[in-house]
């Protein structure tokens, strides 16, 4: 209702240009951005289709939208997602579907098969929404995230969500897309309308962070050198790593007790590595979530 000023406006223009979209809209948090975008664009008779390992905010968005159908497909299984879209099209050809996925999965660090998902949604003329919270600033030649990494544009991914508290180092989130979509989002997203705007100082700081992200490529290069160094050393020591090319490098421990013990032992040695355990991850897959940065 109020609180949008010149710094917010400038940041939205710069984020739109950065993502190759017509417009961007700032949200107070990534959780609110995901709830807002799914709730604004999903109607009662639509299908919401999500990766089984999506972030909790995306899964909650699908549940809270209260559409006719909410389905989850096997993790990163593009064929299963396409089959669900095909079944929807054959059963209800005039209904809409929204396929929602993380770009980089926050607990495993792996990438969604976005080219295949984009092809499936194009084939059935449906929506693809991607939350690229952990991709921006890390993936792509210029830090443009998963879209740049895979060479995908606005026609492939109409609605793109990003958070500012990861590589940007500030706070908040944004949604980017065509101007008409963003105008509708601004009018319908309750998590945008009925909350406090980001402080202008945070928007101003994010503009500086975006400029550094785009000009100081050595930060990203240093991060990727750290990722490779960690993975090489882990392999030499026989540590069980996930297939992750990103800053998220989970070490699967198994039991929650063992993961907590390992985390405390590392803390005593000066390493802050959080133990992730059920219900955040499936039973038996408790892990140490190693998160690397250029400052290490």
C-alpha atoms as a PDB file:
ATOM      1  CA  UNK A   1       0.000   0.000   0.000  1.00  0.00           C
ATOM      2  CA  UNK A   2       2.860   2.371   0.823  1.00  0.00           C
ATOM      3  CA  UNK A   3       6.637   2.464   1.199  1.00  0.00           C
ATOM      4  CA  UNK A   4       7.836   2.143  -2.406  1.00  0.00           C
ATOM      5  CA  UNK A   5      10.380   4.890  -3.183  1.00  0.00           C
ATOM      6  CA  UNK A   6      13.120   5.812  -5.642  1.00  0.00           C
ATOM      7  CA  UNK A   7      15.644   3.231  -4.410  1.00  0.00           C
ATOM      8  CA  UNK A   8      13.120   0.411  -4.777  1.00  0.00           C
ATOM      9  CA  UNK A   9      12.179   1.633  -8.246  1.00  0.00           C
ATOM     10  CA  UNK A  10      15.812   1.839  -9.355  1.00  0.00           C
ATOM     11  CA  UNK A  11      16.602  -1.627  -7.989  1.00  0.00           C
ATOM     12  CA  UNK A  12      13.595  -3.151  -9.755  1.00  0.00           C
ATOM     13  CA  UNK A  13      14.719  -1.630 -13.065  1.00  0.00           C
ATOM     14  CA  UNK A  14      18.252  -2.946 -12.574  1.00  0.00           C
ATOM     15  CA  UNK A  15      17.067  -6.437 -11.596  1.00  0.00           C
ATOM     16  CA  UNK A  16      14.811  -6.560 -14.648  1.00  0.00           C
ATOM     17  CA  UNK A  17      17.726  -5.651 -16.889  1.00  0.00           C
ATOM     18  CA  UNK A  18      20.011  -8.136 -15.092  1.00  0.00           C
ATOM     19  CA  UNK A  19      17.551 -11.007 -15.608  1.00  0.00           C
ATOM     20  CA  UNK A  20      16.599 -10.039 -19.174  1.00  0.00           C
ATOM     21  CA  UNK A  21      12.978  -9.417 -18.219  1.00  0.00           C
ATOM     22  CA  UNK A  22      10.701  -6.442 -18.794  1.00  0.00           C
ATOM     23  CA  UNK A  23       9.999  -5.808 -15.138  1.00  0.00           C
ATOM     24  CA  UNK A  24      10.825  -6.935 -11.603  1.00  0.00           C
ATOM     25  CA  UNK A  25       8.904  -6.603  -8.347  1.00  0.00           C
ATOM     26  CA  UNK A  26      10.498  -6.564  -4.897  1.00  0.00           C
ATOM     27  CA  UNK A  27       9.185  -8.657  -2.005  1.00  0.00           C
ATOM     28  CA  UNK A  28      10.126  -8.532   1.656  1.00  0.00           C
ATOM     29  CA  UNK A  29      11.333 -12.170   1.772  1.00  0.00           C
ATOM     30  CA  UNK A  30      11.802 -15.104  -0.560  1.00  0.00           C
ATOM     31  CA  UNK A  31       9.103 -17.037   1.270  1.00  0.00           C
ATOM     32  CA  UNK A  32       6.620 -14.221   0.602  1.00  0.00           C
ATOM     33  CA  UNK A  33       7.686 -13.972  -3.043  1.00  0.00           C
ATOM     34  CA  UNK A  34       6.969 -17.665  -3.624  1.00  0.00           C
ATOM     35  CA  UNK A  35       3.631 -17.578  -1.834  1.00  0.00           C
ATOM     36  CA  UNK A  36       2.736 -14.427  -3.729  1.00  0.00           C
ATOM     37  CA  UNK A  37       3.561 -15.599  -7.235  1.00  0.00           C
ATOM     38  CA  UNK A  38       1.868 -19.011  -6.969  1.00  0.00           C
ATOM     39  CA  UNK A  39      -1.178 -17.587  -5.236  1.00  0.00           C
ATOM     40  CA  UNK A  40      -1.541 -14.762  -7.749  1.00  0.00           C
ATOM     41  CA  UNK A  41      -1.370 -16.870 -10.901  1.00  0.00           C
ATOM     42  CA  UNK A  42      -2.993 -20.161  -9.871  1.00  0.00           C
ATOM     43  CA  UNK A  43      -6.779 -20.311 -10.183  1.00  0.00           C
ATOM     44  CA  UNK A  44      -9.062 -22.777  -8.429  1.00  0.00           C
ATOM     45  CA  UNK A  45      -9.292 -25.234 -11.354  1.00  0.00           C
ATOM     46  CA  UNK A  46      -5.564 -25.256 -12.159  1.00  0.00           C
ATOM     47  CA  UNK A  47      -2.933 -27.923 -11.562  1.00  0.00           C
ATOM     48  CA  UNK A  48       0.150 -27.016  -9.528  1.00  0.00           C
ATOM     49  CA  UNK A  49       2.987 -29.425 -10.243  1.00  0.00           C
ATOM     50  CA  UNK A  50       6.129 -29.347  -8.087  1.00  0.00           C
ATOM     51  CA  UNK A  51       9.427 -31.158  -7.649  1.00  0.00           C
ATOM     52  CA  UNK A  52       9.269 -33.368  -4.563  1.00  0.00           C
ATOM     53  CA  UNK A  53      12.384 -31.702  -3.079  1.00  0.00           C
ATOM     54  CA  UNK A  54      11.323 -28.100  -3.660  1.00  0.00           C
ATOM     55  CA  UNK A  55      11.970 -25.589  -0.909  1.00  0.00           C
ATOM     56  CA  UNK A  56       9.311 -25.512   1.815  1.00  0.00           C
ATOM     57  CA  UNK A  57       8.126 -22.085   0.672  1.00  0.00           C
ATOM     58  CA  UNK A  58       7.274 -23.428  -2.795  1.00  0.00           C
ATOM     59  CA  UNK A  59       5.519 -26.481  -1.393  1.00  0.00           C
ATOM     60  CA  UNK A  60       3.569 -24.313   1.047  1.00  0.00           C
ATOM     61  CA  UNK A  61       2.642 -21.983  -1.808  1.00  0.00           C
ATOM     62  CA  UNK A  62       1.168 -24.923  -3.716  1.00  0.00           C
ATOM     63  CA  UNK A  63      -0.799 -26.118  -0.710  1.00  0.00           C
ATOM     64  CA  UNK A  64      -2.071 -22.676   0.263  1.00  0.00           C
ATOM     65  CA  UNK A  65      -3.228 -21.905  -3.282  1.00  0.00           C
ATOM     66  CA  UNK A  66      -5.994 -24.496  -2.741  1.00  0.00           C
ATOM     67  CA  UNK A  67      -6.270 -25.370  -6.406  1.00  0.00           C
ATOM     68  CA  UNK A  68      -8.161 -28.330  -7.805  1.00  0.00           C
ATOM     69  CA  UNK A  69      -4.986 -30.416  -7.991  1.00  0.00           C
ATOM     70  CA  UNK A  70      -1.573 -30.238  -6.342  1.00  0.00           C
ATOM     71  CA  UNK A  71       0.933 -32.905  -7.400  1.00  0.00           C
ATOM     72  CA  UNK A  72       4.599 -33.606  -6.745  1.00  0.00           C
ATOM     73  CA  UNK A  73       6.846 -35.450  -9.178  1.00  0.00           C
ATOM     74  CA  UNK A  74      10.009 -37.429  -8.436  1.00  0.00           C
ATOM     75  CA  UNK A  75      13.047 -35.258  -7.853  1.00  0.00           C
ATOM     76  CA  UNK A  76      14.488 -33.833 -11.090  1.00  0.00           C
ATOM     77  CA  UNK A  77      12.433 -36.292 -13.153  1.00  0.00           C
ATOM     78  CA  UNK A  78      11.531 -34.240 -16.221  1.00  0.00           C
ATOM     79  CA  UNK A  79       9.805 -37.226 -17.843  1.00  0.00           C
ATOM     80  CA  UNK A  80       7.470 -37.574 -14.853  1.00  0.00           C
ATOM     81  CA  UNK A  81       6.705 -33.855 -14.957  1.00  0.00           C
ATOM     82  CA  UNK A  82       5.964 -34.031 -18.689  1.00  0.00           C
ATOM     83  CA  UNK A  83       3.706 -37.058 -18.161  1.00  0.00           C
ATOM     84  CA  UNK A  84       1.716 -35.176 -15.514  1.00  0.00           C
ATOM     85  CA  UNK A  85       1.287 -32.212 -17.859  1.00  0.00           C
ATOM     86  CA  UNK A  86       0.214 -34.531 -20.663  1.00  0.00           C
ATOM     87  CA  UNK A  87      -2.341 -36.260 -18.432  1.00  0.00           C
ATOM     88  CA  UNK A  88      -3.718 -32.881 -17.378  1.00  0.00           C
ATOM     89  CA  UNK A  89      -3.976 -31.767 -21.009  1.00  0.00           C
ATOM     90  CA  UNK A  90      -5.754 -34.950 -22.101  1.00  0.00           C
ATOM     91  CA  UNK A  91      -8.206 -34.948 -19.192  1.00  0.00           C
ATOM     92  CA  UNK A  92      -8.908 -31.223 -19.090  1.00  0.00           C
ATOM     93  CA  UNK A  93      -7.552 -29.559 -22.261  1.00  0.00           C
ATOM     94  CA  UNK A  94      -8.813 -26.089 -21.336  1.00  0.00           C
ATOM     95  CA  UNK A  95      -7.355 -26.072 -17.821  1.00  0.00           C
ATOM     96  CA  UNK A  96      -4.069 -24.443 -16.877  1.00  0.00           C
ATOM     97  CA  UNK A  97      -1.065 -25.894 -15.085  1.00  0.00           C
ATOM     98  CA  UNK A  98       1.842 -24.300 -13.253  1.00  0.00           C
ATOM     99  CA  UNK A  99       5.098 -26.235 -12.992  1.00  0.00           C
ATOM    100  CA  UNK A 100       7.127 -24.912 -10.060  1.00  0.00           C
ATOM    101  CA  UNK A 101      10.739 -25.806  -9.248  1.00  0.00           C
ATOM    102  CA  UNK A 102      13.872 -24.643  -7.543  1.00  0.00           C
ATOM    103  CA  UNK A 103      16.737 -23.850  -9.881  1.00  0.00           C
ATOM    104  CA  UNK A 104      19.341 -25.067  -7.370  1.00  0.00           C
ATOM    105  CA  UNK A 105      18.003 -27.346  -4.643  1.00  0.00           C
ATOM    106  CA  UNK A 106      18.935 -25.975  -1.246  1.00  0.00           C
ATOM    107  CA  UNK A 107      19.645 -29.255   0.555  1.00  0.00           C
ATOM    108  CA  UNK A 108      21.391 -31.150  -2.269  1.00  0.00           C
ATOM    109  CA  UNK A 109      22.973 -28.400  -4.366  1.00  0.00           C
ATOM    110  CA  UNK A 110      21.966 -30.071  -7.630  1.00  0.00           C
ATOM    111  CA  UNK A 111      20.309 -28.342 -10.590  1.00  0.00           C
ATOM    112  CA  UNK A 112      16.800 -28.801 -11.910  1.00  0.00           C
ATOM    113  CA  UNK A 113      16.628 -30.081 -15.525  1.00  0.00           C
ATOM    114  CA  UNK A 114      15.318 -26.706 -16.676  1.00  0.00           C
ATOM    115  CA  UNK A 115      15.734 -27.178 -20.461  1.00  0.00           C
ATOM    116  CA  UNK A 116      13.573 -30.314 -20.370  1.00  0.00           C
ATOM    117  CA  UNK A 117      11.021 -28.736 -18.010  1.00  0.00           C
ATOM    118  CA  UNK A 118      10.826 -25.651 -20.219  1.00  0.00           C
ATOM    119  CA  UNK A 119      10.266 -27.832 -23.286  1.00  0.00           C
ATOM    120  CA  UNK A 120       7.445 -29.698 -21.525  1.00  0.00           C
ATOM    121  CA  UNK A 121       5.638 -26.540 -20.414  1.00  0.00           C
ATOM    122  CA  UNK A 122       5.990 -24.998 -23.889  1.00  0.00           C
ATOM    123  CA  UNK A 123       4.590 -28.138 -25.493  1.00  0.00           C
ATOM    124  CA  UNK A 124       1.413 -27.889 -23.444  1.00  0.00           C
ATOM    125  CA  UNK A 125       1.353 -24.063 -23.255  1.00  0.00           C
ATOM    126  CA  UNK A 126       1.639 -23.981 -19.494  1.00  0.00           C
ATOM    127  CA  UNK A 127       3.563 -21.943 -16.912  1.00  0.00           C
ATOM    128  CA  UNK A 128       7.061 -22.581 -15.598  1.00  0.00           C
ATOM    129  CA  UNK A 129       8.041 -20.823 -12.364  1.00  0.00           C
ATOM    130  CA  UNK A 130      11.657 -21.102 -11.164  1.00  0.00           C
ATOM    131  CA  UNK A 131      13.032 -20.032  -7.792  1.00  0.00           C
ATOM    132  CA  UNK A 132      16.715 -19.367  -8.481  1.00  0.00           C
ATOM    133  CA  UNK A 133      17.654 -18.318  -4.938  1.00  0.00           C
ATOM    134  CA  UNK A 134      20.943 -20.253  -4.938  1.00  0.00           C
ATOM    135  CA  UNK A 135      21.759 -19.768  -8.624  1.00  0.00           C
ATOM    136  CA  UNK A 136      22.010 -15.994  -8.922  1.00  0.00           C
ATOM    137  CA  UNK A 137      25.552 -14.735  -8.547  1.00  0.00           C
ATOM    138  CA  UNK A 138      26.999 -18.255  -8.626  1.00  0.00           C
ATOM    139  CA  UNK A 139      26.032 -19.850 -11.946  1.00  0.00           C
ATOM    140  CA  UNK A 140      26.413 -18.526 -15.477  1.00  0.00           C
ATOM    141  CA  UNK A 141      29.211 -16.595 -17.146  1.00  0.00           C
ATOM    142  CA  UNK A 142      28.146 -13.301 -15.567  1.00  0.00           C
ATOM    143  CA  UNK A 143      26.352 -14.658 -12.491  1.00  0.00           C
ATOM    144  CA  UNK A 144      22.943 -14.621 -14.130  1.00  0.00           C
ATOM    145  CA  UNK A 145      22.005 -17.912 -12.496  1.00  0.00           C
ATOM    146  CA  UNK A 146      20.390 -21.040 -13.866  1.00  0.00           C
ATOM    147  CA  UNK A 147      18.840 -19.282 -16.878  1.00  0.00           C
ATOM    148  CA  UNK A 148      22.242 -18.087 -18.054  1.00  0.00           C
ATOM    149  CA  UNK A 149      23.832 -21.434 -17.177  1.00  0.00           C
ATOM    150  CA  UNK A 150      21.348 -23.292 -19.416  1.00  0.00           C
ATOM    151  CA  UNK A 151      20.891 -20.533 -22.015  1.00  0.00           C
ATOM    152  CA  UNK A 152      17.186 -20.040 -21.264  1.00  0.00           C
ATOM    153  CA  UNK A 153      15.217 -16.824 -21.675  1.00  0.00           C
ATOM    154  CA  UNK A 154      11.932 -15.237 -20.666  1.00  0.00           C
ATOM    155  CA  UNK A 155      10.013 -17.320 -23.218  1.00  0.00           C
ATOM    156  CA  UNK A 156      11.278 -20.473 -21.514  1.00  0.00           C
ATOM    157  CA  UNK A 157      10.772 -19.314 -17.915  1.00  0.00           C
ATOM    158  CA  UNK A 158       8.007 -16.686 -17.750  1.00  0.00           C
ATOM    159  CA  UNK A 159       8.245 -16.120 -13.986  1.00  0.00           C
ATOM    160  CA  UNK A 160      11.618 -16.049 -12.265  1.00  0.00           C
ATOM    161  CA  UNK A 161      12.077 -15.678  -8.507  1.00  0.00           C
ATOM    162  CA  UNK A 162      15.317 -14.623  -6.830  1.00  0.00           C
ATOM    163  CA  UNK A 163      16.349 -13.867  -3.270  1.00  0.00           C
ATOM    164  CA  UNK A 164      18.711 -11.143  -2.144  1.00  0.00           C
ATOM    165  CA  UNK A 165      20.012 -12.800   1.029  1.00  0.00           C
ATOM    166  CA  UNK A 166      22.302 -15.323  -0.685  1.00  0.00           C
ATOM    167  CA  UNK A 167      24.912 -14.131  -3.212  1.00  0.00           C
ATOM    168  CA  UNK A 168      23.660 -10.533  -3.006  1.00  0.00           C
ATOM    169  CA  UNK A 169      24.338 -10.510   0.728  1.00  0.00           C
ATOM    170  CA  UNK A 170      21.439  -8.239   1.712  1.00  0.00           C
ATOM    171  CA  UNK A 171      17.776  -9.148   2.299  1.00  0.00           C
ATOM    172  CA  UNK A 172      14.496  -9.563   0.452  1.00  0.00           C
ATOM    173  CA  UNK A 173      13.483 -11.094  -2.864  1.00  0.00           C
ATOM    174  CA  UNK A 174      12.111 -10.309  -6.305  1.00  0.00           C
ATOM    175  CA  UNK A 175      10.029 -11.748  -9.101  1.00  0.00           C
ATOM    176  CA  UNK A 176      10.920 -10.934 -12.710  1.00  0.00           C
ATOM    177  CA  UNK A 177       8.890 -11.392 -15.885  1.00  0.00           C
ATOM    178  CA  UNK A 178       6.854  -9.644 -18.574  1.00  0.00           C
ATOM    179  CA  UNK A 179       5.383  -6.286 -17.600  1.00  0.00           C
ATOM    180  CA  UNK A 180       1.790  -7.523 -17.888  1.00  0.00           C
ATOM    181  CA  UNK A 181       2.505 -10.492 -15.603  1.00  0.00           C
ATOM    182  CA  UNK A 182       4.175  -8.275 -13.025  1.00  0.00           C
ATOM    183  CA  UNK A 183       1.312  -5.780 -13.087  1.00  0.00           C
ATOM    184  CA  UNK A 184      -1.099  -8.613 -12.327  1.00  0.00           C
ATOM    185  CA  UNK A 185       1.227  -9.886  -9.599  1.00  0.00           C
ATOM    186  CA  UNK A 186       1.360  -6.453  -7.987  1.00  0.00           C
ATOM    187  CA  UNK A 187      -2.438  -6.288  -7.892  1.00  0.00           C
ATOM    188  CA  UNK A 188      -3.097  -9.854  -6.705  1.00  0.00           C
ATOM    189  CA  UNK A 189      -0.182 -10.977  -4.506  1.00  0.00           C
ATOM    190  CA  UNK A 190      -1.363 -10.566  -0.938  1.00  0.00           C
ATOM    191  CA  UNK A 191       2.173 -11.066   0.383  1.00  0.00           C
ATOM    192  CA  UNK A 192       3.221  -7.997  -1.603  1.00  0.00           C
ATOM    193  CA  UNK A 193       0.280  -5.727  -0.826  1.00  0.00           C
ATOM    194  CA  UNK A 194      -0.289  -6.365   2.866  1.00  0.00           C
ATOM    195  CA  UNK A 195       3.163  -6.105   4.379  1.00  0.00           C
ATOM    196  CA  UNK A 196       5.971  -3.632   5.034  1.00  0.00           C
ATOM    197  CA  UNK A 197       8.264  -2.756   2.148  1.00  0.00           C
ATOM    198  CA  UNK A 198      12.004  -3.347   2.342  1.00  0.00           C
ATOM    199  CA  UNK A 199      13.793  -0.382   3.963  1.00  0.00           C
ATOM    200  CA  UNK A 200      15.183   1.951   1.266  1.00  0.00           C
ATOM    201  CA  UNK A 201      18.678   1.444   2.695  1.00  0.00           C
ATOM    202  CA  UNK A 202      18.436  -2.291   1.959  1.00  0.00           C
ATOM    203  CA  UNK A 203      17.386  -1.547  -1.617  1.00  0.00           C
ATOM    204  CA  UNK A 204      20.317   0.863  -1.983  1.00  0.00           C
ATOM    205  CA  UNK A 205      22.762  -1.698  -0.568  1.00  0.00           C
ATOM    206  CA  UNK A 206      21.411  -4.333  -2.960  1.00  0.00           C
ATOM    207  CA  UNK A 207      22.021  -2.010  -5.908  1.00  0.00           C
ATOM    208  CA  UNK A 208      25.677  -1.845  -4.878  1.00  0.00           C
ATOM    209  CA  UNK A 209      25.804  -5.620  -4.444  1.00  0.00           C
ATOM    210  CA  UNK A 210      24.322  -6.098  -7.916  1.00  0.00           C
ATOM    211  CA  UNK A 211      26.931  -3.785  -9.399  1.00  0.00           C
ATOM    212  CA  UNK A 212      29.737  -5.736  -7.693  1.00  0.00           C
ATOM    213  CA  UNK A 213      28.233  -9.028  -8.799  1.00  0.00           C
ATOM    214  CA  UNK A 214      28.248  -7.856 -12.408  1.00  0.00           C
ATOM    215  CA  UNK A 215      31.703  -6.264 -12.445  1.00  0.00           C
ATOM    216  CA  UNK A 216      33.913  -8.188 -10.016  1.00  0.00           C
ATOM    217  CA  UNK A 217      33.896 -11.617 -11.626  1.00  0.00           C
ATOM    218  CA  UNK A 218      36.898 -12.690  -9.562  1.00  0.00           C
ATOM    219  CA  UNK A 219      34.554 -13.331  -6.635  1.00  0.00           C
ATOM    220  CA  UNK A 220      32.622 -15.970  -8.571  1.00  0.00           C
ATOM    221  CA  UNK A 221      35.835 -17.421 -10.020  1.00  0.00           C
ATOM    222  CA  UNK A 222      37.299 -17.698  -6.518  1.00  0.00           C
ATOM    223  CA  UNK A 223      34.150 -19.406  -5.270  1.00  0.00           C
ATOM    224  CA  UNK A 224      34.256 -21.999  -8.043  1.00  0.00           C
ATOM    225  CA  UNK A 225      37.929 -22.639  -7.300  1.00  0.00           C
ATOM    226  CA  UNK A 226      36.957 -23.304  -3.686  1.00  0.00           C
ATOM    227  CA  UNK A 227      34.161 -25.650  -4.773  1.00  0.00           C
ATOM    228  CA  UNK A 228      36.542 -27.652  -6.958  1.00  0.00           C
ATOM    229  CA  UNK A 229      39.209 -27.758  -4.237  1.00  0.00           C
ATOM    230  CA  UNK A 230      36.697 -29.026  -1.682  1.00  0.00           C
ATOM    231  CA  UNK A 231      35.282 -31.687  -4.001  1.00  0.00           C
ATOM    232  CA  UNK A 232      38.727 -32.912  -5.022  1.00  0.00           C
ATOM    233  CA  UNK A 233      39.872 -33.191  -1.394  1.00  0.00           C
ATOM    234  CA  UNK A 234      36.617 -34.893  -0.352  1.00  0.00           C
ATOM    235  CA  UNK A 235      36.968 -37.484  -3.102  1.00  0.00           C
ATOM    236  CA  UNK A 236      40.542 -38.243  -2.039  1.00  0.00           C
ATOM    237  CA  UNK A 237      39.294 -38.891   1.497  1.00  0.00           C
ATOM    238  CA  UNK A 238      36.292 -40.948   0.424  1.00  0.00           C
ATOM    239  CA  UNK A 239      33.661 -38.499   1.691  1.00  0.00           C
ATOM    240  CA  UNK A 240      30.185 -39.148   0.204  1.00  0.00           C
ATOM    241  CA  UNK A 241      29.333 -35.985  -1.724  1.00  0.00           C
ATOM    242  CA  UNK A 242      26.202 -35.234  -3.718  1.00  0.00           C
ATOM    243  CA  UNK A 243      26.454 -34.406  -7.422  1.00  0.00           C
ATOM    244  CA  UNK A 244      26.527 -30.649  -6.875  1.00  0.00           C
ATOM    245  CA  UNK A 245      28.394 -28.048  -8.974  1.00  0.00           C
ATOM    246  CA  UNK A 246      27.268 -25.246  -6.646  1.00  0.00           C
ATOM    247  CA  UNK A 247      28.322 -23.685  -3.355  1.00  0.00           C
ATOM    248  CA  UNK A 248      26.063 -26.155  -1.507  1.00  0.00           C
ATOM    249  CA  UNK A 249      28.094 -29.308  -0.834  1.00  0.00           C
ATOM    250  CA  UNK A 250      26.143 -31.734   1.374  1.00  0.00           C
ATOM    251  CA  UNK A 251      28.013 -34.552   3.109  1.00  0.00           C
ATOM    252  CA  UNK A 252      25.493 -37.322   3.801  1.00  0.00           C
ATOM    253  CA  UNK A 253      25.988 -38.752   7.315  1.00  0.00           C
ATOM    254  CA  UNK A 254      22.844 -40.845   7.818  1.00  0.00           C
ATOM    255  CA  UNK A 255      21.555 -40.596  11.366  1.00  0.00           C
ATOM    256  CA  UNK A 256      20.584 -37.286  12.953  1.00  0.00           C
ATOM    257  CA  UNK A 257      22.656 -38.060  16.052  1.00  0.00           C
ATOM    258  CA  UNK A 258      25.827 -38.668  14.038  1.00  0.00           C
ATOM    259  CA  UNK A 259      25.265 -35.518  11.988  1.00  0.00           C
ATOM    260  CA  UNK A 260      24.854 -33.423  15.156  1.00  0.00           C
ATOM    261  CA  UNK A 261      27.992 -34.975  16.678  1.00  0.00           C
ATOM    262  CA  UNK A 262      29.992 -34.205  13.537  1.00  0.00           C
ATOM    263  CA  UNK A 263      28.661 -30.630  13.446  1.00  0.00           C
ATOM    264  CA  UNK A 264      29.643 -30.034  17.097  1.00  0.00           C
ATOM    265  CA  UNK A 265      33.095 -31.524  16.547  1.00  0.00           C
ATOM    266  CA  UNK A 266      33.634 -29.224  13.572  1.00  0.00           C
ATOM    267  CA  UNK A 267      32.370 -26.243  15.583  1.00  0.00           C
ATOM    268  CA  UNK A 268      34.985 -26.976  18.266  1.00  0.00           C
ATOM    269  CA  UNK A 269      37.598 -26.885  15.477  1.00  0.00           C
ATOM    270  CA  UNK A 270      36.349 -23.506  14.234  1.00  0.00           C
ATOM    271  CA  UNK A 271      34.102 -24.579  11.362  1.00  0.00           C
ATOM    272  CA  UNK A 272      30.436 -23.553  11.346  1.00  0.00           C
ATOM    273  CA  UNK A 273      28.769 -26.356   9.390  1.00  0.00           C
ATOM    274  CA  UNK A 274      25.119 -26.937  10.193  1.00  0.00           C
ATOM    275  CA  UNK A 275      23.649 -30.425  10.615  1.00  0.00           C
ATOM    276  CA  UNK A 276      20.489 -30.792   8.527  1.00  0.00           C
ATOM    277  CA  UNK A 277      18.186 -33.554   9.726  1.00  0.00           C
ATOM    278  CA  UNK A 278      14.589 -34.768   9.400  1.00  0.00           C
ATOM    279  CA  UNK A 279      11.995 -33.476   8.763  1.00  0.00           C
ATOM    280  CA  UNK A 280      13.947 -31.022   6.568  1.00  0.00           C
ATOM    281  CA  UNK A 281      15.501 -33.996   4.741  1.00  0.00           C
ATOM    282  CA  UNK A 282      14.219 -37.605   4.523  1.00  0.00           C
ATOM    283  CA  UNK A 283      14.875 -39.994   7.403  1.00  0.00           C
ATOM    284  CA  UNK A 284      18.271 -41.646   7.154  1.00  0.00           C
ATOM    285  CA  UNK A 285      19.774 -38.823   5.081  1.00  0.00           C
ATOM    286  CA  UNK A 286      20.874 -36.359   7.775  1.00  0.00           C
ATOM    287  CA  UNK A 287      23.796 -34.382   6.476  1.00  0.00           C
ATOM    288  CA  UNK A 288      26.388 -31.710   6.987  1.00  0.00           C
ATOM    289  CA  UNK A 289      25.482 -28.802   4.725  1.00  0.00           C
ATOM    290  CA  UNK A 290      28.801 -27.314   3.688  1.00  0.00           C
ATOM    291  CA  UNK A 291      28.218 -23.892   2.124  1.00  0.00           C
ATOM    292  CA  UNK A 292      31.251 -22.326   0.495  1.00  0.00           C
ATOM    293  CA  UNK A 293      31.810 -18.664  -0.315  1.00  0.00           C
ATOM    294  CA  UNK A 294      34.415 -16.437  -1.938  1.00  0.00           C
ATOM    295  CA  UNK A 295      35.411 -15.134   1.499  1.00  0.00           C
ATOM    296  CA  UNK A 296      36.709 -18.515   2.686  1.00  0.00           C
END
